[in-house]
C-alpha atoms as a PDB file:
ATOM      1  CA  MET A   1       1.868  -8.702   7.341  1.00  0.00           C
ATOM      2  CA  THR A   2      -1.861  -7.677   7.215  1.00  0.00           C
ATOM      3  CA  TYR A   3      -3.406  -6.925  10.485  1.00  0.00           C
ATOM      4  CA  GLU A   4      -6.511  -4.720  11.954  1.00  0.00           C
ATOM      5  CA  ASN A   5      -5.817  -2.446  14.771  1.00  0.00           C
ATOM      6  CA  LYS A   6      -7.684  -4.261  17.748  1.00  0.00           C
ATOM      7  CA  ASN A   7      -6.900  -1.211  20.137  1.00  0.00           C
ATOM      8  CA  PHE A   8      -8.949   1.396  17.898  1.00  0.00           C
ATOM      9  CA  ASP A   9     -11.234   3.177  20.184  1.00  0.00           C
ATOM     10  CA  ASP A  10     -14.661   3.614  18.243  1.00  0.00           C
ATOM     11  CA  ASN A  11     -14.915   7.011  20.631  1.00  0.00           C
ATOM     12  CA  ARG A  12     -11.990   8.402  18.269  1.00  0.00           C
ATOM     13  CA  GLY A  13     -10.574  10.116  21.271  1.00  0.00           C
ATOM     14  CA  ASP A  14      -6.746   9.592  21.368  1.00  0.00           C
ATOM     15  CA  SER A  15      -6.584   6.637  19.231  1.00  0.00           C
ATOM     16  CA  ARG A  16      -7.891   9.185  16.047  1.00  0.00           C
ATOM     17  CA  ASN A  17      -4.158   8.978  14.865  1.00  0.00           C
ATOM     18  CA  GLU A  18      -3.775   4.949  15.115  1.00  0.00           C
ATOM     19  CA  SER A  19      -4.283   2.638  12.142  1.00  0.00           C
ATOM     20  CA  LEU A  20      -7.451   1.169  11.778  1.00  0.00           C
ATOM     21  CA  TYR A  21      -5.971  -0.994   9.024  1.00  0.00           C
ATOM     22  CA  SER A  22      -2.328  -1.927   8.233  1.00  0.00           C
ATOM     23  CA  LYS A  23      -0.258  -3.536   5.504  1.00  0.00           C
ATOM     24  CA  ARG A  24       3.380  -3.982   5.781  1.00  0.00           C
ATOM     25  CA  ILE A  25       5.653  -4.875   2.644  1.00  0.00           C
ATOM     26  CA  LYS A  26       9.215  -5.766   3.126  1.00  0.00           C
ATOM     27  CA  ALA A  27      11.466  -4.512   0.152  1.00  0.00           C
ATOM     28  CA  GLY A  28      14.973  -5.870   0.791  1.00  0.00           C
ATOM     29  CA  LYS A  29      16.900  -5.876   3.918  1.00  0.00           C
ATOM     30  CA  ARG A  30      16.947  -2.046   4.816  1.00  0.00           C
ATOM     31  CA  ARG A  31      13.191  -0.901   3.413  1.00  0.00           C
ATOM     32  CA  THR A  32       9.818  -1.361   4.449  1.00  0.00           C
ATOM     33  CA  TYR A  33       6.379   0.064   2.959  1.00  0.00           C
ATOM     34  CA  PHE A  34       3.375   0.672   4.931  1.00  0.00           C
ATOM     35  CA  PHE A  35       0.001   1.396   3.677  1.00  0.00           C
ATOM     36  CA  ASP A  36      -2.310   2.477   6.886  1.00  0.00           C
ATOM     37  CA  VAL A  37      -5.856   3.490   6.793  1.00  0.00           C
ATOM     38  CA  ARG A  38      -6.388   6.073   9.224  1.00  0.00           C
ATOM     39  CA  ALA A  39      -9.793   8.446  10.316  1.00  0.00           C
ATOM     40  CA  THR A  40     -10.291  12.049  10.634  1.00  0.00           C
ATOM     41  CA  ARG A  41     -12.172  13.782  13.392  1.00  0.00           C
ATOM     42  CA  GLY A  42     -15.029  13.939  11.061  1.00  0.00           C
ATOM     43  CA  ASN A  43     -15.444  10.034  10.719  1.00  0.00           C
ATOM     44  CA  ASP A  44     -13.564  10.533   7.078  1.00  0.00           C
ATOM     45  CA  TYR A  45     -10.850   8.144   6.111  1.00  0.00           C
ATOM     46  CA  PHE A  46      -7.465   8.582   4.195  1.00  0.00           C
ATOM     47  CA  ILE A  47      -4.437   6.365   3.432  1.00  0.00           C
ATOM     48  CA  THR A  48      -0.993   7.042   4.714  1.00  0.00           C
ATOM     49  CA  ILE A  49       1.926   5.448   2.839  1.00  0.00           C
ATOM     50  CA  THR A  50       5.198   5.246   4.922  1.00  0.00           C
ATOM     51  CA  GLU A  51       9.009   4.176   3.527  1.00  0.00           C
ATOM     52  CA  SER A  52      10.918   3.372   6.083  1.00  0.00           C
ATOM     53  CA  LYS A  53      14.617   2.923   5.559  1.00  0.00           C
ATOM     54  CA  LYS A  54      17.069   1.633   8.221  1.00  0.00           C
ATOM     55  CA  ARG A  55      20.316   4.150   8.320  1.00  0.00           C
ATOM     56  CA  PHE A  56      23.602   2.592   7.293  1.00  0.00           C
ATOM     57  CA  ASP A  57      25.016   3.534  10.401  1.00  0.00           C
ATOM     58  CA  ASP A  58      22.497   1.574  12.442  1.00  0.00           C
ATOM     59  CA  ASN A  59      21.417   4.563  14.577  1.00  0.00           C
ATOM     60  CA  GLY A  60      17.604   4.248  13.571  1.00  0.00           C
ATOM     61  CA  TYR A  61      15.266   4.824  10.732  1.00  0.00           C
ATOM     62  CA  ASP A  62      14.632   7.445   7.749  1.00  0.00           C
ATOM     63  CA  ARG A  63      11.000   7.596   7.341  1.00  0.00           C
ATOM     64  CA  HIS A  64       9.048   9.535   4.326  1.00  0.00           C
ATOM     65  CA  LYS A  65       5.501   9.541   4.476  1.00  0.00           C
ATOM     66  CA  MET A  66       2.852  10.472   2.122  1.00  0.00           C
ATOM     67  CA  PHE A  67      -1.059  11.098   2.693  1.00  0.00           C
ATOM     68  CA  LEU A  68      -3.377   9.965   0.335  1.00  0.00           C
ATOM     69  CA  TYR A  69      -7.171  11.025   0.747  1.00  0.00           C
ATOM     70  CA  LYS A  70     -10.362   9.428  -0.958  1.00  0.00           C
ATOM     71  CA  GLU A  71     -10.986  12.033  -3.708  1.00  0.00           C
ATOM     72  CA  ASP A  72      -7.455  11.121  -5.057  1.00  0.00           C
ATOM     73  CA  PHE A  73      -7.800   7.236  -4.770  1.00  0.00           C
ATOM     74  CA  ASN A  74      -8.805   6.631  -8.313  1.00  0.00           C
ATOM     75  CA  LYS A  75      -6.443   9.084  -9.981  1.00  0.00           C
ATOM     76  CA  PHE A  76      -3.505   7.668  -7.786  1.00  0.00           C
ATOM     77  CA  LEU A  77      -4.304   3.700  -8.574  1.00  0.00           C
ATOM     78  CA  ILE A  78      -4.497   4.862 -12.644  1.00  0.00           C
ATOM     79  CA  GLY A  79      -1.356   6.834 -12.482  1.00  0.00           C
ATOM     80  CA  LEU A  80       0.450   3.976 -10.340  1.00  0.00           C
ATOM     81  CA  THR A  81      -0.941   1.193 -12.610  1.00  0.00           C
ATOM     82  CA  ASP A  82       0.038   2.972 -16.056  1.00  0.00           C
ATOM     83  CA  THR A  83       3.219   3.796 -14.525  1.00  0.00           C
ATOM     84  CA  ILE A  84       3.947   0.179 -13.549  1.00  0.00           C
ATOM     85  CA  ASN A  85       2.643  -1.436 -16.574  1.00  0.00           C
ATOM     86  CA  PHE A  86       4.920   1.128 -18.886  1.00  0.00           C
ATOM     87  CA  VAL A  87       8.083  -0.389 -17.078  1.00  0.00           C
ATOM     88  CA  LYS A  88       6.640  -3.972 -17.177  1.00  0.00           C
ATOM     89  CA  THR A  89       5.671  -3.858 -20.838  1.00  0.00           C
ATOM     90  CA  ASP A  90       7.843  -1.115 -22.711  1.00  0.00           C
ATOM     91  CA  LEU A  91      11.145  -0.899 -20.683  1.00  0.00           C
ATOM     92  CA  MET A  92      11.707  -4.404 -19.234  1.00  0.00           C
ATOM     93  CA  PRO A  93       9.286  -6.837 -21.202  1.00  0.00           C
ATOM     94  CA  ASP A  94      11.671  -9.817 -20.712  1.00  0.00           C
ATOM     95  CA  PHE A  95      12.436  -9.434 -16.905  1.00  0.00           C
ATOM     96  CA  ASP A  96      10.563 -11.682 -14.681  1.00  0.00           C
ATOM     97  CA  PHE A  97       8.571  -9.819 -12.063  1.00  0.00           C
ATOM     98  CA  ASP A  98       7.121 -12.714 -10.378  1.00  0.00           C
ATOM     99  CA  ALA A  99      10.800 -14.094  -9.463  1.00  0.00           C
ATOM    100  CA  PHE A 100      10.460 -11.703  -6.447  1.00  0.00           C
ATOM    101  CA  ASN A 101       7.087 -12.802  -5.320  1.00  0.00           C
ATOM    102  CA  HIS A 102       8.949 -15.789  -2.943  1.00  0.00           C
ATOM    103  CA  GLU A 103       8.658 -13.411   0.178  1.00  0.00           C
ATOM    104  CA  GLN A 104       4.931 -12.904  -0.359  1.00  0.00           C
ATOM    105  CA  GLU A 105       4.133 -16.730  -0.407  1.00  0.00           C
ATOM    106  CA  ASN A 106       6.060 -16.978   3.203  1.00  0.00           C
ATOM    107  CA  GLU A 107       3.737 -14.288   4.602  1.00  0.00           C
ATOM    108  CA  GLU A 108       0.367 -15.363   6.018  1.00  0.00           C
ATOM    109  CA  SER A 109      -1.433 -12.123   4.235  1.00  0.00           C
ATOM    110  CA  ASN A 110      -4.261 -11.530   1.842  1.00  0.00           C
ATOM    111  CA  ASN A 111      -1.825  -9.959  -0.492  1.00  0.00           C
ATOM    112  CA  ILE A 112      -3.496  -8.868  -3.767  1.00  0.00           C
ATOM    113  CA  ALA A 113      -0.142  -8.809  -5.852  1.00  0.00           C
ATOM    114  CA  ALA A 114       0.709 -12.283  -5.112  1.00  0.00           C
ATOM    115  CA  GLU A 115      -2.762 -13.147  -6.259  1.00  0.00           C
ATOM    116  CA  MET A 116      -3.329 -11.087  -9.074  1.00  0.00           C
ATOM    117  CA  PRO A 117      -0.730  -9.338 -11.422  1.00  0.00           C
ATOM    118  CA  ILE A 118      -0.905  -5.594 -11.446  1.00  0.00           C
ATOM    119  CA  SER A 119      -1.372  -5.703 -15.291  1.00  0.00           C
ATOM    120  CA  SER A 120      -4.659  -7.399 -14.607  1.00  0.00           C
ATOM    121  CA  ILE A 121      -6.035  -4.627 -12.679  1.00  0.00           C
ATOM    122  CA  GLN A 122      -8.322  -2.470 -14.997  1.00  0.00           C
ATOM    123  CA  VAL A 123      -9.592   0.882 -13.672  1.00  0.00           C
ATOM    124  CA  GLU A 124     -11.639   3.284 -15.765  1.00  0.00           C
ATOM    125  CA  ASP A 125     -11.841   6.975 -15.275  1.00  0.00           C
ATOM    126  CA  ASN A 126     -15.435   6.774 -13.969  1.00  0.00           C
ATOM    127  CA  SER A 127     -15.420   4.051 -11.592  1.00  0.00           C
ATOM    128  CA  SER A 128     -15.627   4.472  -7.742  1.00  0.00           C
ATOM    129  CA  VAL A 129     -13.836   2.913  -5.196  1.00  0.00           C
ATOM    130  CA  ASP A 130     -16.876   1.220  -4.103  1.00  0.00           C
ATOM    131  CA  ASP A 131     -17.533  -0.479  -7.487  1.00  0.00           C
ATOM    132  CA  TRP A 132     -14.081  -2.146  -7.497  1.00  0.00           C
ATOM    133  CA  LYS A 133     -13.970  -5.955  -7.146  1.00  0.00           C
ATOM    134  CA  MET A 134     -10.775  -7.786  -7.161  1.00  0.00           C
END
């Protein structure tokens, strides 16, 4: 599910901790990932990646959060893409990774993963995020 946060206050008062954009990815019965775009006080932007796992005793959730800043976007994407491609091509070349896309087809979102496999994303070290066209 992808949504824009309509409650975001352009004055950046108390709302600066709210997401400007959020993407939710359900992964199994107990795990969900959230990708959120947030603003700093200086009108800069960063991404938070949160893993939320339901506890086995059903008493809430465990959450782990990572912050990704704009100066690291390209390096992060290159590293993640290289790592995923290594698993797909070197470790598990016969595995059908697309077999798990059925949940994505039921969601009403602009999920790039459903439209374009990660192996087709090409990133050069000298590219900038603004130059990307997917």
